[in-house]
Protein backbone atom coordinates (compact mmCIF):
# COMPACT_ATOMS: atom_id res chain seq x y z
CA UNK A 1 10.57 123.73 97.17
CA UNK A 2 8.73 121.80 94.49
CA UNK A 3 11.93 119.82 93.97
CA UNK A 4 12.07 119.08 97.72
CA UNK A 5 8.50 117.84 97.71
CA UNK A 6 9.07 115.57 94.72
CA UNK A 7 12.32 114.31 96.24
CA UNK A 8 10.50 113.38 99.43
CA UNK A 9 7.74 111.56 97.55
CA UNK A 10 10.12 109.57 95.36
CA UNK A 11 12.40 108.91 98.32
CA UNK A 12 9.54 107.44 100.33
CA UNK A 13 8.45 105.47 97.26
CA UNK A 14 11.92 103.96 96.94
CA UNK A 15 12.01 103.19 100.65
CA UNK A 16 8.59 101.52 100.39
CA UNK A 17 9.77 99.28 97.56
CA UNK A 18 13.06 98.28 99.19
CA UNK A 19 11.49 97.56 102.57
CA UNK A 20 8.68 95.57 100.97
CA UNK A 21 11.25 93.32 99.29
CA UNK A 22 12.98 92.82 102.64
CA UNK A 23 9.76 91.97 104.44
CA UNK A 24 9.99 88.22 103.82
CA UNK A 25 13.54 88.08 105.13
CA UNK A 26 14.93 90.35 107.82
CA UNK A 27 11.68 92.02 108.87
CA UNK A 28 9.64 88.83 109.14
CA UNK A 29 12.32 87.22 111.30
CA UNK A 30 11.93 90.13 113.71
CA UNK A 31 8.13 89.82 113.77
CA UNK A 32 7.75 92.95 111.67
CA UNK A 33 5.68 93.72 108.58
CA UNK A 34 5.79 96.67 106.22
CA UNK A 35 3.17 98.36 104.06
CA UNK A 36 3.35 101.55 102.04
CA UNK A 37 1.77 103.52 99.24
CA UNK A 38 2.33 106.48 96.96
CA UNK A 39 -0.43 108.69 95.59
CA UNK A 40 -1.22 111.68 93.45
CA UNK A 41 -4.40 113.63 94.15
CA UNK A 42 -6.10 116.59 92.52
CA UNK A 43 -6.63 118.27 95.92
CA UNK A 44 -5.35 117.41 99.39
CA UNK A 45 -8.40 117.71 101.62
CA UNK A 46 -8.06 117.26 105.40
CA UNK A 47 -11.43 116.91 107.13
CA UNK A 48 -13.06 118.62 104.20
CA UNK A 49 -10.69 121.60 104.00
CA UNK A 50 -8.10 121.97 101.25
CA UNK A 51 -4.46 121.92 102.31
CA UNK A 52 -3.11 122.90 98.88
CA UNK A 53 -5.32 125.81 97.79
CA UNK A 54 -7.28 123.25 95.71
CA UNK A 55 -4.15 122.31 93.77
CA UNK A 56 -2.74 118.77 93.27
CA UNK A 57 -0.56 116.95 95.79
CA UNK A 58 2.00 114.17 95.69
CA UNK A 59 1.81 111.94 98.76
CA UNK A 60 3.38 108.85 100.27
CA UNK A 61 2.97 106.87 103.47
CA UNK A 62 4.28 103.75 105.14
CA UNK A 63 3.61 101.66 108.22
CA UNK A 64 6.02 99.41 110.06
CA UNK A 65 4.14 97.07 112.41
CA UNK A 66 5.16 94.45 114.96
CA UNK A 67 3.24 91.23 115.53
CA UNK A 68 2.31 92.53 119.00
CA UNK A 69 0.19 95.23 117.32
CA UNK A 70 2.55 98.13 117.93
CA UNK A 71 3.21 100.19 114.80
CA UNK A 72 4.95 103.30 113.49
CA UNK A 73 3.62 105.21 110.49
CA UNK A 74 4.60 108.26 108.49
CA UNK A 75 2.70 110.33 105.92
CA UNK A 76 4.16 112.99 103.63
CA UNK A 77 2.57 115.53 101.29
CA UNK A 78 3.13 118.94 99.78
CA UNK A 79 0.90 121.68 101.23
CA UNK A 80 0.05 125.30 100.47
CA UNK A 81 -1.84 127.47 102.94
CA UNK A 82 -1.57 130.68 100.94
CA UNK A 83 1.46 131.95 102.83
CA UNK A 84 5.17 131.75 102.03
CA UNK A 85 5.54 128.58 104.13
CA UNK A 86 5.21 125.75 104.95
CA UNK A 87 5.28 123.72 101.74
CA UNK A 88 5.82 120.27 103.20
CA UNK A 89 3.89 118.15 105.70
CA UNK A 90 5.43 115.06 107.28
CA UNK A 91 3.31 113.31 109.92
CA UNK A 92 4.78 110.55 112.10
CA UNK A 93 2.41 108.50 114.22
CA UNK A 94 2.72 105.64 116.71
CA UNK A 95 0.03 103.37 118.08
CA UNK A 96 -1.16 99.88 118.85
CA UNK A 97 -3.76 97.69 117.14
CA UNK A 98 -5.86 95.50 119.44
CA UNK A 99 -8.04 92.78 117.84
CA UNK A 100 -11.52 92.53 119.35
CA UNK A 101 -12.79 89.38 117.70
CA UNK A 102 -15.76 88.69 119.94
CA UNK A 103 -17.14 86.04 117.60
CA UNK A 104 -16.71 84.70 114.04
CA UNK A 105 -19.45 87.06 112.91
CA UNK A 106 -18.10 90.14 114.70
CA UNK A 107 -14.50 91.02 113.95
CA UNK A 108 -13.23 94.42 114.97
CA UNK A 109 -9.97 96.20 115.71
CA UNK A 110 -9.24 98.95 118.23
CA UNK A 111 -6.51 101.40 117.24
CA UNK A 112 -5.05 103.72 119.90
CA UNK A 113 -2.29 106.16 119.08
CA UNK A 114 -0.99 109.68 118.50
CA UNK A 115 0.03 111.63 115.41
CA UNK A 116 2.20 114.73 115.01
CA UNK A 117 1.22 117.07 112.18
CA UNK A 118 4.72 118.24 111.34
CA UNK A 119 5.82 120.95 108.89
CA UNK A 120 9.62 120.71 108.62
CA UNK A 121 9.85 123.30 105.82
CA UNK A 122 8.50 126.08 108.07
CA UNK A 123 10.75 128.42 110.04
CA UNK A 124 7.91 129.03 112.51
CA UNK A 125 6.44 126.27 114.66
CA UNK A 126 3.26 125.04 112.94
CA UNK A 127 3.42 121.57 114.49
CA UNK A 128 0.64 120.09 116.60
CA UNK A 129 -0.15 116.69 118.13
CA UNK A 130 -3.39 114.75 118.25
CA UNK A 131 -4.36 111.57 120.07
CA UNK A 132 -6.87 109.15 118.58
CA UNK A 133 -8.99 106.10 119.26
CA UNK A 134 -10.37 104.22 116.24
CA UNK A 135 -12.70 101.24 116.04
CA UNK A 136 -12.98 99.31 112.78
CA UNK A 137 -15.65 96.65 112.33
CA UNK A 138 -15.34 94.26 109.38
CA UNK A 139 -18.08 92.76 107.19
CA UNK A 140 -20.94 94.98 108.33
CA UNK A 141 -23.87 94.12 106.07
CA UNK A 142 -21.66 93.16 103.12
CA UNK A 143 -18.67 90.84 103.05
CA UNK A 144 -15.52 92.87 102.55
CA UNK A 145 -17.07 96.04 103.96
CA UNK A 146 -15.71 98.11 106.82
CA UNK A 147 -17.30 100.44 109.38
CA UNK A 148 -14.87 102.93 110.93
CA UNK A 149 -15.44 105.25 113.86
CA UNK A 150 -12.84 107.46 115.47
CA UNK A 151 -12.46 110.11 118.15
CA UNK A 152 -9.47 112.48 118.01
CA UNK A 153 -8.40 115.08 120.58
CA UNK A 154 -5.79 117.82 120.70
CA UNK A 155 -5.10 120.74 123.01
CA UNK A 156 -3.55 122.81 120.20
CA UNK A 157 -5.62 122.46 117.02
CA UNK A 158 -3.55 123.48 113.97
CA UNK A 159 -1.25 125.30 116.42
CA UNK A 160 -3.87 128.08 116.80
CA UNK A 161 -7.20 126.66 117.88
CA UNK A 162 -6.80 125.44 121.45
CA UNK A 163 -8.60 122.28 122.50
CA UNK A 164 -10.42 120.39 119.76
CA UNK A 165 -12.40 117.18 119.31
CA UNK A 166 -13.05 115.37 116.05
CA UNK A 167 -15.57 112.55 115.67
CA UNK A 168 -15.88 110.65 112.42
CA UNK A 169 -17.97 107.75 111.10
CA UNK A 170 -17.25 106.09 107.76
CA UNK A 171 -18.44 103.08 105.82
CA UNK A 172 -16.91 101.40 102.76
CA UNK A 173 -18.07 98.37 100.80
CA UNK A 174 -17.28 96.58 97.53
CA UNK A 175 -19.82 96.69 94.71
CA UNK A 176 -20.36 93.01 93.93
CA UNK A 177 -17.33 91.50 92.18
CA UNK A 178 -16.75 94.41 89.81
CA UNK A 179 -13.58 95.84 91.31
CA UNK A 180 -15.55 98.96 92.23
CA UNK A 181 -16.30 100.06 95.76
CA UNK A 182 -18.15 102.88 97.47
CA UNK A 183 -17.54 104.80 100.65
CA UNK A 184 -19.09 107.57 102.69
CA UNK A 185 -18.10 109.31 105.86
CA UNK A 186 -19.13 112.29 107.96
CA UNK A 187 -17.09 114.08 110.58
CA UNK A 188 -17.70 116.72 113.23
CA UNK A 189 -14.97 119.00 114.58
CA UNK A 190 -15.34 121.39 117.49
CA UNK A 191 -12.85 123.81 119.07
CA UNK A 192 -12.81 126.08 122.10
CA UNK A 193 -11.77 129.02 119.92
CA UNK A 194 -13.61 130.58 116.98
CA UNK A 195 -10.79 130.23 114.45
CA UNK A 196 -12.57 128.96 111.33
CA UNK A 197 -12.90 131.03 108.16
CA UNK A 198 -16.50 131.97 109.02
CA UNK A 199 -15.66 132.91 112.61
CA UNK A 200 -17.19 129.80 114.20
CA UNK A 201 -15.74 127.08 116.41
CA UNK A 202 -17.27 123.92 114.93
CA UNK A 203 -18.12 122.41 111.57
CA UNK A 204 -19.25 119.25 109.76
CA UNK A 205 -17.43 117.67 106.84
CA UNK A 206 -18.49 114.80 104.60
CA UNK A 207 -17.21 112.69 101.75
CA UNK A 208 -18.80 110.26 99.31
CA UNK A 209 -16.67 108.36 96.81
CA UNK A 210 -16.43 105.57 94.29
CA UNK A 211 -13.16 103.68 93.92
CA UNK A 212 -11.78 101.06 91.57
CA UNK A 213 -9.01 98.48 92.09
CA UNK A 214 -7.23 97.69 88.85
CA UNK A 215 -6.99 93.94 88.35
CA UNK A 216 -4.22 94.30 85.76
CA UNK A 217 -1.88 96.19 88.12
CA UNK A 218 -1.60 94.85 91.64
CA UNK A 219 -2.03 97.51 94.30
CA UNK A 220 -3.18 100.24 91.91
CA UNK A 221 -6.49 101.94 92.69
CA UNK A 222 -8.36 105.10 91.72
CA UNK A 223 -10.94 107.12 93.64
CA UNK A 224 -13.37 109.84 92.60
CA UNK A 225 -14.83 111.69 95.57
CA UNK A 226 -17.05 114.63 96.45
CA UNK A 227 -15.84 116.43 99.58
CA UNK A 228 -17.46 119.31 101.44
CA UNK A 229 -17.84 121.23 104.71
CA UNK A 230 -20.73 123.26 106.10
CA UNK A 231 -18.50 126.27 106.86
CA UNK A 232 -20.22 129.48 105.78
CA UNK A 233 -18.23 130.93 102.87
CA UNK A 234 -20.24 134.13 102.41
CA UNK A 235 -17.91 137.09 102.08
CA UNK A 236 -14.79 134.97 101.64
CA UNK A 237 -12.50 135.27 98.63
CA UNK A 238 -13.00 132.81 95.78
CA UNK A 239 -9.92 130.75 96.55
CA UNK A 240 -10.87 130.23 100.21
CA UNK A 241 -14.47 129.52 99.26
CA UNK A 242 -13.42 126.92 96.71
CA UNK A 243 -11.36 125.04 99.31
CA UNK A 244 -14.28 124.73 101.74
CA UNK A 245 -17.28 124.09 99.55
CA UNK A 246 -18.11 120.92 97.61
CA UNK A 247 -15.21 119.84 95.45
CA UNK A 248 -14.42 116.85 93.25
CA UNK A 249 -11.21 115.06 94.17
CA UNK A 250 -9.52 112.39 92.05
CA UNK A 251 -6.79 110.23 93.60
CA UNK A 252 -4.58 107.55 92.10
CA UNK A 253 -2.82 105.27 94.63
CA UNK A 254 -0.23 102.52 94.29
CA UNK A 255 0.15 100.27 97.33
CA UNK A 256 3.23 98.18 98.05
């Protein structure tokens, strides 16, 4: 299965490169644009919770967008939930971007769509779907900064949790002209079933990070982040506890 995961990552990387080269020809004539990236991370954390038992992950994603704002995206990563399967996550999503440029000093974008958290390597059905609304506001306080808010909803959280809402607020900004940047975000997730590790039905997660864009290699960036949840880990085994409490995550990303 490790071979399958690596094959997926390198396959998506190759697709990203080939489609990027075609962007100025066939795609652009059709009003389409393509963007993609590949990444390696020391721990795949989703809303504060590890998806790999605190082990590294190889990831890739791409987005194909039309000039009307309609887009299709896909994200792939290896996963490990401490059971025999699944080992692979592949999330397709579709949505539309709507510019809300009220004035020259207030530029924002509304993003409405849906994502399927899909686990094709599992024999059982782990898949679940979530709808989302995101609002991104540019240049808040600092030129080049971004304020992001989103609301997500599903009626089948992680295929076990029933109805769930997630609300998140994040802010990122460059640090002068150094190539460094900083970001912070906090999220709140609530469910109508008590399915979390501590027997509750809601939790808070947060992340603070510093990133760096390498000037010598276009599209290459690194991020060092602290990620955490407020889920009570008392009485849990060490491995579960480690994946919920504060952890340091390093990620290296190459965009195309």
